[in-house]
Amino acid sequence: MANLFIGLANVLMVPLILSFTSVKVLGVIGSISTSGFLVGGAVMSIWGGPKRRISGIFAFGSMSGLAMAAVGLSPSIPLVAGVCGAYYSAEL
C-alpha cells in the first residue's frame, strides 16, 4: 500500500515543482534527489540496516511520509530540494 501511495505522490511532484519554478531548476532538484538515492544506498550498504527490520521499515517509511508532506509547506526551492533529497534517501 505504501508503494502505491508513494507512486501517486511521485507522479504529482513534477507538476508541483514546475508550478513555481523553471525546468532548469527541476533538473537540479532531480539531481539532488538522485544524490539522496546514492547516499541512502551507500549508508545502507555500509551500515546494513537495523537489526529489527520492521522497526527500520516503519521508521524510514514514516520519515519518507513526513518528507513528502513537507514539500507542500511552501513553494520554496531550497525546501523542496532538501526534502526531495531526504525523501529519496529515506525511501531505501
N, C-alpha and C. Protein backbone atom coordinates (compact mmCIF):
# COMPACT_ATOMS: atom_id res chain seq x y z
N MET A 1 0.82 -1.19 0.00
CA MET A 1 0.00 0.00 0.00
C MET A 1 0.86 1.25 0.00
N ALA A 2 1.95 1.21 0.77
CA ALA A 2 2.82 2.39 0.85
C ALA A 2 3.39 2.72 -0.52
N ASN A 3 3.84 1.73 -1.27
CA ASN A 3 4.40 1.98 -2.60
C ASN A 3 3.36 2.55 -3.55
N LEU A 4 2.11 2.14 -3.42
CA LEU A 4 1.05 2.68 -4.26
C LEU A 4 0.90 4.17 -4.02
N PHE A 5 0.80 4.58 -2.77
CA PHE A 5 0.60 5.99 -2.46
C PHE A 5 1.84 6.83 -2.74
N ILE A 6 3.01 6.25 -2.53
CA ILE A 6 4.24 6.97 -2.84
C ILE A 6 4.34 7.18 -4.35
N GLY A 7 3.96 6.17 -5.13
CA GLY A 7 3.96 6.31 -6.58
C GLY A 7 3.02 7.40 -7.06
N LEU A 8 1.84 7.48 -6.45
CA LEU A 8 0.89 8.53 -6.81
C LEU A 8 1.46 9.91 -6.49
N ALA A 9 2.11 10.04 -5.36
CA ALA A 9 2.69 11.33 -4.98
C ALA A 9 3.86 11.68 -5.88
N ASN A 10 4.67 10.70 -6.26
CA ASN A 10 5.82 10.97 -7.13
C ASN A 10 5.39 11.52 -8.49
N VAL A 11 4.29 11.01 -9.01
CA VAL A 11 3.80 11.48 -10.30
C VAL A 11 3.41 12.96 -10.22
N LEU A 12 2.90 13.39 -9.11
CA LEU A 12 2.45 14.77 -8.95
C LEU A 12 3.57 15.73 -8.56
N MET A 13 4.76 15.20 -8.27
CA MET A 13 5.86 16.05 -7.82
C MET A 13 6.33 17.00 -8.94
N VAL A 14 6.45 16.51 -10.17
CA VAL A 14 6.94 17.35 -11.27
C VAL A 14 6.00 18.52 -11.55
N PRO A 15 4.69 18.31 -11.69
CA PRO A 15 3.82 19.49 -11.90
C PRO A 15 3.84 20.47 -10.73
N LEU A 16 3.99 19.94 -9.51
CA LEU A 16 4.06 20.83 -8.35
C LEU A 16 5.28 21.73 -8.44
N ILE A 17 6.43 21.15 -8.73
CA ILE A 17 7.66 21.93 -8.81
C ILE A 17 7.62 22.90 -9.98
N LEU A 18 7.09 22.45 -11.12
CA LEU A 18 7.00 23.34 -12.28
C LEU A 18 6.00 24.47 -12.10
N SER A 19 5.12 24.36 -11.10
CA SER A 19 4.15 25.43 -10.87
C SER A 19 4.80 26.69 -10.30
N PHE A 20 6.01 26.58 -9.72
CA PHE A 20 6.64 27.76 -9.16
C PHE A 20 8.10 27.94 -9.58
N THR A 21 8.59 27.11 -10.48
CA THR A 21 9.97 27.27 -10.92
C THR A 21 10.13 26.81 -12.37
N SER A 22 11.35 26.85 -12.86
CA SER A 22 11.61 26.52 -14.27
C SER A 22 12.06 25.06 -14.42
N VAL A 23 12.15 24.65 -15.67
CA VAL A 23 12.57 23.28 -15.98
C VAL A 23 14.02 23.08 -15.56
N LYS A 24 14.84 24.12 -15.69
CA LYS A 24 16.25 24.04 -15.29
C LYS A 24 16.38 23.72 -13.80
N VAL A 25 15.60 24.40 -12.97
CA VAL A 25 15.64 24.15 -11.53
C VAL A 25 15.07 22.77 -11.21
N LEU A 26 14.09 22.33 -11.97
CA LEU A 26 13.55 20.98 -11.81
C LEU A 26 14.65 19.95 -12.02
N GLY A 27 15.50 20.18 -13.01
CA GLY A 27 16.63 19.28 -13.26
C GLY A 27 17.60 19.26 -12.10
N VAL A 28 17.86 20.42 -11.51
CA VAL A 28 18.75 20.48 -10.34
C VAL A 28 18.14 19.73 -9.16
N ILE A 29 16.85 19.92 -8.94
CA ILE A 29 16.16 19.21 -7.86
C ILE A 29 16.19 17.71 -8.12
N GLY A 30 16.02 17.31 -9.37
CA GLY A 30 16.12 15.89 -9.72
C GLY A 30 17.50 15.33 -9.43
N SER A 31 18.53 16.12 -9.69
CA SER A 31 19.90 15.69 -9.39
C SER A 31 20.12 15.55 -7.89
N ILE A 32 19.58 16.47 -7.12
CA ILE A 32 19.69 16.39 -5.66
C ILE A 32 18.95 15.17 -5.15
N SER A 33 17.79 14.90 -5.71
CA SER A 33 17.02 13.71 -5.31
C SER A 33 17.79 12.43 -5.62
N THR A 34 18.43 12.40 -6.78
CA THR A 34 19.21 11.22 -7.14
C THR A 34 20.40 11.05 -6.22
N SER A 35 21.01 12.15 -5.81
CA SER A 35 22.11 12.04 -4.86
C SER A 35 21.61 11.51 -3.52
N GLY A 36 20.35 11.80 -3.19
CA GLY A 36 19.76 11.21 -1.98
C GLY A 36 19.67 9.70 -2.09
N PHE A 37 19.31 9.21 -3.29
CA PHE A 37 19.31 7.76 -3.53
C PHE A 37 20.70 7.17 -3.31
N LEU A 38 21.72 7.84 -3.87
CA LEU A 38 23.08 7.34 -3.76
C LEU A 38 23.57 7.33 -2.31
N VAL A 39 23.31 8.40 -1.59
CA VAL A 39 23.73 8.49 -0.19
C VAL A 39 22.99 7.45 0.65
N GLY A 40 21.70 7.32 0.44
CA GLY A 40 20.92 6.32 1.18
C GLY A 40 21.39 4.91 0.90
N GLY A 41 21.69 4.62 -0.36
CA GLY A 41 22.20 3.30 -0.73
C GLY A 41 23.56 3.01 -0.12
N ALA A 42 24.43 4.02 -0.11
CA ALA A 42 25.76 3.86 0.48
C ALA A 42 25.67 3.64 1.99
N VAL A 43 24.81 4.41 2.64
CA VAL A 43 24.64 4.25 4.09
C VAL A 43 24.11 2.85 4.42
N MET A 44 23.12 2.39 3.66
CA MET A 44 22.58 1.06 3.92
C MET A 44 23.59 -0.04 3.61
N SER A 45 24.44 0.18 2.61
CA SER A 45 25.47 -0.82 2.29
C SER A 45 26.51 -0.92 3.40
N ILE A 46 26.90 0.22 3.93
CA ILE A 46 27.91 0.23 5.00
C ILE A 46 27.31 -0.23 6.32
N TRP A 47 26.14 0.31 6.66
CA TRP A 47 25.53 0.05 7.96
C TRP A 47 24.85 -1.31 8.01
N GLY A 48 24.15 -1.66 6.96
CA GLY A 48 23.42 -2.93 6.92
C GLY A 48 21.99 -2.82 7.40
N GLY A 49 21.60 -1.70 7.94
CA GLY A 49 20.23 -1.50 8.41
C GLY A 49 20.04 -1.93 9.85
N PRO A 50 18.88 -1.64 10.40
CA PRO A 50 18.63 -2.00 11.80
C PRO A 50 18.47 -3.51 11.97
N LYS A 51 18.74 -3.98 13.17
CA LYS A 51 18.61 -5.42 13.44
C LYS A 51 17.15 -5.86 13.34
N ARG A 52 16.26 -5.06 13.87
CA ARG A 52 14.83 -5.36 13.74
C ARG A 52 14.32 -4.69 12.47
N ARG A 53 14.18 -5.45 11.42
CA ARG A 53 13.84 -4.90 10.09
C ARG A 53 12.51 -4.15 10.08
N ILE A 54 11.52 -4.64 10.78
CA ILE A 54 10.22 -3.99 10.77
C ILE A 54 10.29 -2.60 11.40
N SER A 55 11.13 -2.44 12.40
CA SER A 55 11.32 -1.12 13.01
C SER A 55 11.94 -0.16 12.01
N GLY A 56 12.90 -0.64 11.23
CA GLY A 56 13.52 0.19 10.21
C GLY A 56 12.54 0.57 9.11
N ILE A 57 11.72 -0.38 8.69
CA ILE A 57 10.73 -0.09 7.66
C ILE A 57 9.74 0.95 8.16
N PHE A 58 9.30 0.80 9.40
CA PHE A 58 8.35 1.77 9.97
C PHE A 58 8.99 3.15 10.11
N ALA A 59 10.21 3.19 10.65
CA ALA A 59 10.87 4.48 10.89
C ALA A 59 11.17 5.21 9.58
N PHE A 60 11.79 4.50 8.63
CA PHE A 60 12.15 5.16 7.38
C PHE A 60 10.91 5.44 6.52
N GLY A 61 9.90 4.61 6.61
CA GLY A 61 8.64 4.89 5.92
C GLY A 61 7.97 6.14 6.47
N SER A 62 8.02 6.29 7.79
CA SER A 62 7.45 7.49 8.41
C SER A 62 8.23 8.74 8.01
N MET A 63 9.56 8.61 7.96
CA MET A 63 10.38 9.75 7.53
C MET A 63 10.07 10.13 6.08
N SER A 64 9.86 9.13 5.24
CA SER A 64 9.51 9.40 3.83
C SER A 64 8.18 10.13 3.74
N GLY A 65 7.20 9.68 4.51
CA GLY A 65 5.90 10.33 4.51
C GLY A 65 5.94 11.76 5.00
N LEU A 66 6.70 11.99 6.06
CA LEU A 66 6.83 13.36 6.58
C LEU A 66 7.56 14.25 5.58
N ALA A 67 8.58 13.71 4.93
CA ALA A 67 9.30 14.49 3.93
C ALA A 67 8.39 14.84 2.76
N MET A 68 7.58 13.88 2.33
CA MET A 68 6.65 14.14 1.22
C MET A 68 5.62 15.20 1.62
N ALA A 69 5.14 15.15 2.86
CA ALA A 69 4.18 16.14 3.33
C ALA A 69 4.83 17.53 3.45
N ALA A 70 6.11 17.57 3.78
CA ALA A 70 6.81 18.84 3.94
C ALA A 70 6.98 19.58 2.62
N VAL A 71 6.94 18.87 1.50
CA VAL A 71 7.07 19.52 0.19
C VAL A 71 5.94 20.51 -0.02
N GLY A 72 4.77 20.23 0.52
CA GLY A 72 3.63 21.11 0.33
C GLY A 72 3.57 22.29 1.27
N LEU A 73 4.55 22.45 2.16
CA LEU A 73 4.50 23.55 3.12
C LEU A 73 4.64 24.92 2.47
N SER A 74 5.57 25.05 1.56
CA SER A 74 5.84 26.35 0.97
C SER A 74 6.46 26.16 -0.41
N PRO A 75 6.15 27.02 -1.36
CA PRO A 75 6.78 26.91 -2.68
C PRO A 75 8.20 27.48 -2.66
N SER A 76 9.08 26.83 -1.96
CA SER A 76 10.45 27.27 -1.80
C SER A 76 11.39 26.24 -2.44
N ILE A 77 12.28 26.71 -3.31
CA ILE A 77 13.19 25.81 -4.00
C ILE A 77 14.13 25.09 -3.03
N PRO A 78 14.77 25.78 -2.06
CA PRO A 78 15.64 25.06 -1.12
C PRO A 78 14.88 24.03 -0.29
N LEU A 79 13.67 24.36 0.12
CA LEU A 79 12.87 23.42 0.90
C LEU A 79 12.54 22.18 0.08
N VAL A 80 12.08 22.37 -1.13
CA VAL A 80 11.71 21.24 -1.99
C VAL A 80 12.94 20.40 -2.32
N ALA A 81 14.07 21.04 -2.63
CA ALA A 81 15.29 20.30 -2.96
C ALA A 81 15.77 19.48 -1.76
N GLY A 82 15.80 20.08 -0.59
CA GLY A 82 16.23 19.35 0.61
C GLY A 82 15.29 18.23 0.98
N VAL A 83 14.01 18.49 0.90
CA VAL A 83 13.03 17.48 1.27
C VAL A 83 13.04 16.32 0.26
N CYS A 84 13.19 16.63 -1.03
CA CYS A 84 13.24 15.56 -2.03
C CYS A 84 14.47 14.70 -1.83
N GLY A 85 15.60 15.31 -1.53
CA GLY A 85 16.81 14.52 -1.25
C GLY A 85 16.64 13.64 -0.03
N ALA A 86 16.05 14.21 1.04
CA ALA A 86 15.82 13.43 2.26
C ALA A 86 14.80 12.34 2.02
N TYR A 87 13.78 12.64 1.25
CA TYR A 87 12.73 11.67 0.96
C TYR A 87 13.29 10.45 0.25
N TYR A 88 14.07 10.70 -0.79
CA TYR A 88 14.60 9.58 -1.56
C TYR A 88 15.68 8.81 -0.82
N SER A 89 16.43 9.49 0.07
CA SER A 89 17.43 8.75 0.84
C SER A 89 16.75 7.88 1.90
N ALA A 90 15.63 8.33 2.43
CA ALA A 90 14.92 7.55 3.45
C ALA A 90 14.08 6.44 2.82
N GLU A 91 13.78 6.57 1.53
CA GLU A 91 12.93 5.57 0.88
C GLU A 91 13.63 4.22 0.73
N LEU A 92 14.94 4.21 0.69
CA LEU A 92 15.67 2.95 0.56
C LEU A 92 15.48 2.16 1.81
